[in-house]
Amino acid sequence: MHQYFHTVLGFCPWDLLALLVLAAMLILMALHVRKQKQRQRELEEALAEKQAREQVSRESHT
């Protein structure tokens, strides 16, 4: 069986495991980047709202 993988398919069973680990890591990284972008967008929106409230507050005091 071991010789079959090497001669017919051109790779060994460890290559499949490494490929699965790589695919899992790429999927996790893509999900992490997506979540981080969403979190950054939410924080930027919250900051913009806070700055707008502060601007209104400053204008009402003058």
PDB file of N, CA and C in Angstrom:
ATOM      1  N   MET A   1       0.823  -1.191   0.000  1.00  0.00           N
ATOM      2  CA  MET A   1       0.000   0.000   0.000  1.00  0.00           C
ATOM      3  C   MET A   1       0.872   1.262   0.000  1.00  0.00           C
ATOM      4  N   HIS A   2       1.915   1.240   0.814  1.00  0.00           N
ATOM      5  CA  HIS A   2       2.806   2.394   0.885  1.00  0.00           C
ATOM      6  C   HIS A   2       3.444   2.674  -0.478  1.00  0.00           C
ATOM      7  N   GLN A   3       3.858   1.621  -1.150  1.00  0.00           N
ATOM      8  CA  GLN A   3       4.477   1.773  -2.460  1.00  0.00           C
ATOM      9  C   GLN A   3       3.458   2.291  -3.475  1.00  0.00           C
ATOM     10  N   TYR A   4       2.191   1.925  -3.320  1.00  0.00           N
ATOM     11  CA  TYR A   4       1.133   2.378  -4.215  1.00  0.00           C
ATOM     12  C   TYR A   4       1.005   3.904  -4.186  1.00  0.00           C
ATOM     13  N   PHE A   5       1.004   4.480  -2.991  1.00  0.00           N
ATOM     14  CA  PHE A   5       0.906   5.935  -2.877  1.00  0.00           C
ATOM     15  C   PHE A   5       2.077   6.624  -3.559  1.00  0.00           C
ATOM     16  N   HIS A   6       3.264   6.093  -3.360  1.00  0.00           N
ATOM     17  CA  HIS A   6       4.448   6.737  -3.920  1.00  0.00           C
ATOM     18  C   HIS A   6       4.523   6.611  -5.428  1.00  0.00           C
ATOM     19  N   THR A   7       4.157   5.470  -5.968  1.00  0.00           N
ATOM     20  CA  THR A   7       4.339   5.272  -7.403  1.00  0.00           C
ATOM     21  C   THR A   7       3.145   5.751  -8.225  1.00  0.00           C
ATOM     22  N   VAL A   8       1.934   5.495  -7.784  1.00  0.00           N
ATOM     23  CA  VAL A   8       0.761   5.827  -8.583  1.00  0.00           C
ATOM     24  C   VAL A   8       0.286   7.257  -8.321  1.00  0.00           C
ATOM     25  N   LEU A   9       0.155   7.614  -7.062  1.00  0.00           N
ATOM     26  CA  LEU A   9      -0.390   8.922  -6.727  1.00  0.00           C
ATOM     27  C   LEU A   9       0.689   9.995  -6.611  1.00  0.00           C
ATOM     28  N   GLY A  10       1.897   9.629  -6.358  1.00  0.00           N
ATOM     29  CA  GLY A  10       2.993  10.588  -6.321  1.00  0.00           C
ATOM     30  C   GLY A  10       3.184  11.288  -4.987  1.00  0.00           C
ATOM     31  N   PHE A  11       2.515  10.842  -3.950  1.00  0.00           N
ATOM     32  CA  PHE A  11       2.709  11.436  -2.623  1.00  0.00           C
ATOM     33  C   PHE A  11       2.436  10.382  -1.561  1.00  0.00           C
ATOM     34  N   CYS A  12       2.824  10.682  -0.342  1.00  0.00           N
ATOM     35  CA  CYS A  12       2.622   9.730   0.741  1.00  0.00           C
ATOM     36  C   CYS A  12       1.457  10.185   1.619  1.00  0.00           C
ATOM     37  N   PRO A  13       0.976   9.327   2.504  1.00  0.00           N
ATOM     38  CA  PRO A  13      -0.161   9.694   3.364  1.00  0.00           C
ATOM     39  C   PRO A  13       0.105  10.926   4.234  1.00  0.00           C
ATOM     40  N   TRP A  14       1.343  11.169   4.609  1.00  0.00           N
ATOM     41  CA  TRP A  14       1.654  12.350   5.416  1.00  0.00           C
ATOM     42  C   TRP A  14       1.410  13.634   4.634  1.00  0.00           C
ATOM     43  N   ASP A  15       1.539  13.552   3.315  1.00  0.00           N
ATOM     44  CA  ASP A  15       1.252  14.727   2.492  1.00  0.00           C
ATOM     45  C   ASP A  15      -0.227  15.111   2.587  1.00  0.00           C
ATOM     46  N   LEU A  16      -1.092  14.108   2.640  1.00  0.00           N
ATOM     47  CA  LEU A  16      -2.518  14.386   2.782  1.00  0.00           C
ATOM     48  C   LEU A  16      -2.816  15.057   4.120  1.00  0.00           C
ATOM     49  N   LEU A  17      -2.195  14.566   5.171  1.00  0.00           N
ATOM     50  CA  LEU A  17      -2.383  15.159   6.492  1.00  0.00           C
ATOM     51  C   LEU A  17      -1.901  16.610   6.499  1.00  0.00           C
ATOM     52  N   ALA A  18      -0.732  16.842   5.911  1.00  0.00           N
ATOM     53  CA  ALA A  18      -0.200  18.199   5.861  1.00  0.00           C
ATOM     54  C   ALA A  18      -1.114  19.105   5.043  1.00  0.00           C
ATOM     55  N   LEU A  19      -1.676  18.595   3.971  1.00  0.00           N
ATOM     56  CA  LEU A  19      -2.593  19.377   3.139  1.00  0.00           C
ATOM     57  C   LEU A  19      -3.870  19.720   3.904  1.00  0.00           C
ATOM     58  N   LEU A  20      -4.384  18.775   4.675  1.00  0.00           N
ATOM     59  CA  LEU A  20      -5.579  19.038   5.479  1.00  0.00           C
ATOM     60  C   LEU A  20      -5.300  20.080   6.559  1.00  0.00           C
ATOM     61  N   VAL A  21      -4.147  19.995   7.196  1.00  0.00           N
ATOM     62  CA  VAL A  21      -3.774  20.976   8.215  1.00  0.00           C
ATOM     63  C   VAL A  21      -3.632  22.357   7.581  1.00  0.00           C
ATOM     64  N   LEU A  22      -3.007  22.422   6.418  1.00  0.00           N
ATOM     65  CA  LEU A  22      -2.860  23.697   5.716  1.00  0.00           C
ATOM     66  C   LEU A  22      -4.217  24.287   5.363  1.00  0.00           C
ATOM     67  N   ALA A  23      -5.116  23.468   4.854  1.00  0.00           N
ATOM     68  CA  ALA A  23      -6.454  23.947   4.494  1.00  0.00           C
ATOM     69  C   ALA A  23      -7.193  24.459   5.727  1.00  0.00           C
ATOM     70  N   ALA A  24      -7.087  23.735   6.844  1.00  0.00           N
ATOM     71  CA  ALA A  24      -7.743  24.172   8.078  1.00  0.00           C
ATOM     72  C   ALA A  24      -7.170  25.500   8.555  1.00  0.00           C
ATOM     73  N   MET A  25      -5.871  25.655   8.484  1.00  0.00           N
ATOM     74  CA  MET A  25      -5.244  26.902   8.917  1.00  0.00           C
ATOM     75  C   MET A  25      -5.661  28.070   8.028  1.00  0.00           C
ATOM     76  N   LEU A  26      -5.748  27.846   6.732  1.00  0.00           N
ATOM     77  CA  LEU A  26      -6.176  28.909   5.820  1.00  0.00           C
ATOM     78  C   LEU A  26      -7.624  29.327   6.089  1.00  0.00           C
ATOM     79  N   ILE A  27      -8.471  28.353   6.369  1.00  0.00           N
ATOM     80  CA  ILE A  27      -9.870  28.665   6.679  1.00  0.00           C
ATOM     81  C   ILE A  27      -9.954  29.456   7.980  1.00  0.00           C
ATOM     82  N   LEU A  28      -9.218  29.015   9.006  1.00  0.00           N
ATOM     83  CA  LEU A  28      -9.230  29.733  10.283  1.00  0.00           C
ATOM     84  C   LEU A  28      -8.680  31.146  10.140  1.00  0.00           C
ATOM     85  N   MET A  29      -7.646  31.300   9.343  1.00  0.00           N
ATOM     86  CA  MET A  29      -7.072  32.630   9.136  1.00  0.00           C
ATOM     87  C   MET A  29      -8.071  33.540   8.415  1.00  0.00           C
ATOM     88  N   ALA A  30      -8.753  33.018   7.419  1.00  0.00           N
ATOM     89  CA  ALA A  30      -9.741  33.815   6.693  1.00  0.00           C
ATOM     90  C   ALA A  30     -10.879  34.238   7.620  1.00  0.00           C
ATOM     91  N   LEU A  31     -11.327  33.336   8.485  1.00  0.00           N
ATOM     92  CA  LEU A  31     -12.380  33.681   9.433  1.00  0.00           C
ATOM     93  C   LEU A  31     -11.905  34.733  10.427  1.00  0.00           C
ATOM     94  N   HIS A  32     -10.661  34.606  10.872  1.00  0.00           N
ATOM     95  CA  HIS A  32     -10.102  35.573  11.817  1.00  0.00           C
ATOM     96  C   HIS A  32     -10.009  36.964  11.183  1.00  0.00           C
ATOM     97  N   VAL A  33      -9.529  37.033   9.964  1.00  0.00           N
ATOM     98  CA  VAL A  33      -9.403  38.318   9.270  1.00  0.00           C
ATOM     99  C   VAL A  33     -10.781  38.944   9.082  1.00  0.00           C
ATOM    100  N   ARG A  34     -11.753  38.144   8.714  1.00  0.00           N
ATOM    101  CA  ARG A  34     -13.116  38.648   8.525  1.00  0.00           C
ATOM    102  C   ARG A  34     -13.674  39.203   9.831  1.00  0.00           C
ATOM    103  N   LYS A  35     -13.467  38.456  10.924  1.00  0.00           N
ATOM    104  CA  LYS A  35     -13.956  38.900  12.226  1.00  0.00           C
ATOM    105  C   LYS A  35     -13.255  40.177  12.670  1.00  0.00           C
ATOM    106  N   GLN A  36     -11.951  40.267  12.437  1.00  0.00           N
ATOM    107  CA  GLN A  36     -11.201  41.461  12.814  1.00  0.00           C
ATOM    108  C   GLN A  36     -11.664  42.687  12.028  1.00  0.00           C
ATOM    109  N   LYS A  37     -11.915  42.523  10.736  1.00  0.00           N
ATOM    110  CA  LYS A  37     -12.397  43.644   9.921  1.00  0.00           C
ATOM    111  C   LYS A  37     -13.758  44.114  10.416  1.00  0.00           C
ATOM    112  N   GLN A  38     -14.635  43.176  10.766  1.00  0.00           N
ATOM    113  CA  GLN A  38     -15.948  43.534  11.276  1.00  0.00           C
ATOM    114  C   GLN A  38     -15.808  44.270  12.610  1.00  0.00           C
ATOM    115  N   ARG A  39     -14.935  43.782  13.468  1.00  0.00           N
ATOM    116  CA  ARG A  39     -14.730  44.432  14.761  1.00  0.00           C
ATOM    117  C   ARG A  39     -14.149  45.833  14.579  1.00  0.00           C
ATOM    118  N   GLN A  40     -13.203  45.987  13.664  1.00  0.00           N
ATOM    119  CA  GLN A  40     -12.619  47.300  13.409  1.00  0.00           C
ATOM    120  C   GLN A  40     -13.673  48.267  12.887  1.00  0.00           C
ATOM    121  N   ARG A  41     -14.528  47.799  11.994  1.00  0.00           N
ATOM    122  CA  ARG A  41     -15.588  48.637  11.441  1.00  0.00           C
ATOM    123  C   ARG A  41     -16.535  49.098  12.563  1.00  0.00           C
ATOM    124  N   GLU A  42     -16.884  48.180  13.470  1.00  0.00           N
ATOM    125  CA  GLU A  42     -17.765  48.536  14.581  1.00  0.00           C
ATOM    126  C   GLU A  42     -17.107  49.561  15.493  1.00  0.00           C
ATOM    127  N   LEU A  43     -15.823  49.383  15.778  1.00  0.00           N
ATOM    128  CA  LEU A  43     -15.119  50.328  16.640  1.00  0.00           C
ATOM    129  C   LEU A  43     -14.996  51.702  15.983  1.00  0.00           C
ATOM    130  N   GLU A  44     -14.753  51.729  14.685  1.00  0.00           N
ATOM    131  CA  GLU A  44     -14.673  53.007  13.974  1.00  0.00           C
ATOM    132  C   GLU A  44     -16.014  53.723  13.986  1.00  0.00           C
ATOM    133  N   GLU A  45     -17.106  52.971  13.829  1.00  0.00           N
ATOM    134  CA  GLU A  45     -18.438  53.572  13.888  1.00  0.00           C
ATOM    135  C   GLU A  45     -18.718  54.127  15.286  1.00  0.00           C
ATOM    136  N   ALA A  46     -18.340  53.386  16.313  1.00  0.00           N
ATOM    137  CA  ALA A  46     -18.550  53.853  17.686  1.00  0.00           C
ATOM    138  C   ALA A  46     -17.723  55.110  17.954  1.00  0.00           C
ATOM    139  N   LEU A  47     -16.501  55.137  17.452  1.00  0.00           N
ATOM    140  CA  LEU A  47     -15.654  56.317  17.626  1.00  0.00           C
ATOM    141  C   LEU A  47     -16.248  57.525  16.907  1.00  0.00           C
ATOM    142  N   ALA A  48     -16.760  57.328  15.708  1.00  0.00           N
ATOM    143  CA  ALA A  48     -17.362  58.426  14.953  1.00  0.00           C
ATOM    144  C   ALA A  48     -18.589  58.967  15.691  1.00  0.00           C
ATOM    145  N   GLU A  49     -19.396  58.070  16.253  1.00  0.00           N
ATOM    146  CA  GLU A  49     -20.568  58.505  17.010  1.00  0.00           C
ATOM    147  C   GLU A  49     -20.146  59.298  18.245  1.00  0.00           C
ATOM    148  N   LYS A  50     -19.124  58.822  18.944  1.00  0.00           N
ATOM    149  CA  LYS A  50     -18.644  59.516  20.142  1.00  0.00           C
ATOM    150  C   LYS A  50     -18.099  60.898  19.780  1.00  0.00           C
ATOM    151  N   GLN A  51     -17.343  60.980  18.704  1.00  0.00           N
ATOM    152  CA  GLN A  51     -16.805  62.274  18.285  1.00  0.00           C
ATOM    153  C   GLN A  51     -17.922  63.221  17.869  1.00  0.00           C
ATOM    154  N   ALA A  52     -18.959  62.708  17.228  1.00  0.00           N
ATOM    155  CA  ALA A  52     -20.091  63.545  16.833  1.00  0.00           C
ATOM    156  C   ALA A  52     -20.809  64.074  18.073  1.00  0.00           C
ATOM    157  N   ARG A  53     -21.005  63.219  19.079  1.00  0.00           N
ATOM    158  CA  ARG A  53     -21.650  63.662  20.312  1.00  0.00           C
ATOM    159  C   ARG A  53     -20.813  64.718  21.027  1.00  0.00           C
ATOM    160  N   GLU A  54     -19.505  64.511  21.052  1.00  0.00           N
ATOM    161  CA  GLU A  54     -18.623  65.490  21.695  1.00  0.00           C
ATOM    162  C   GLU A  54     -18.656  66.821  20.950  1.00  0.00           C
ATOM    163  N   GLN A  55     -18.709  66.770  19.632  1.00  0.00           N
ATOM    164  CA  GLN A  55     -18.772  68.004  18.826  1.00  0.00           C
ATOM    165  C   GLN A  55     -20.056  68.760  19.122  1.00  0.00           C
ATOM    166  N   VAL A  56     -21.179  68.046  19.206  1.00  0.00           N
ATOM    167  CA  VAL A  56     -22.461  68.673  19.516  1.00  0.00           C
ATOM    168  C   VAL A  56     -22.411  69.258  20.927  1.00  0.00           C
ATOM    169  N   SER A  57     -21.808  68.527  21.833  1.00  0.00           N
ATOM    170  CA  SER A  57     -21.705  68.992  23.219  1.00  0.00           C
ATOM    171  C   SER A  57     -20.866  70.281  23.305  1.00  0.00           C
ATOM    172  N   ARG A  58     -19.778  70.314  22.571  1.00  0.00           N
ATOM    173  CA  ARG A  58     -18.920  71.511  22.561  1.00  0.00           C
ATOM    174  C   ARG A  58     -19.645  72.693  21.939  1.00  0.00           C
ATOM    175  N   GLU A  59     -20.383  72.444  20.881  1.00  0.00           N
ATOM    176  CA  GLU A  59     -21.105  73.535  20.202  1.00  0.00           C
ATOM    177  C   GLU A  59     -22.233  74.068  21.075  1.00  0.00           C
ATOM    178  N   SER A  60     -22.844  73.238  21.874  1.00  0.00           N
ATOM    179  CA  SER A  60     -23.949  73.694  22.728  1.00  0.00           C
ATOM    180  C   SER A  60     -23.437  74.502  23.913  1.00  0.00           C
ATOM    181  N   HIS A  61     -22.162  74.292  24.312  1.00  0.00           N
ATOM    182  CA  HIS A  61     -21.576  75.052  25.420  1.00  0.00           C
ATOM    183  C   HIS A  61     -21.059  76.409  24.990  1.00  0.00           C
ATOM    184  N   THR A  62     -20.885  76.616  23.728  1.00  0.00           N
ATOM    185  CA  THR A  62     -20.335  77.918  23.285  1.00  0.00           C
ATOM    186  C   THR A  62     -21.421  78.886  22.914  1.00  0.00           C
TER     187      THR A  62
END
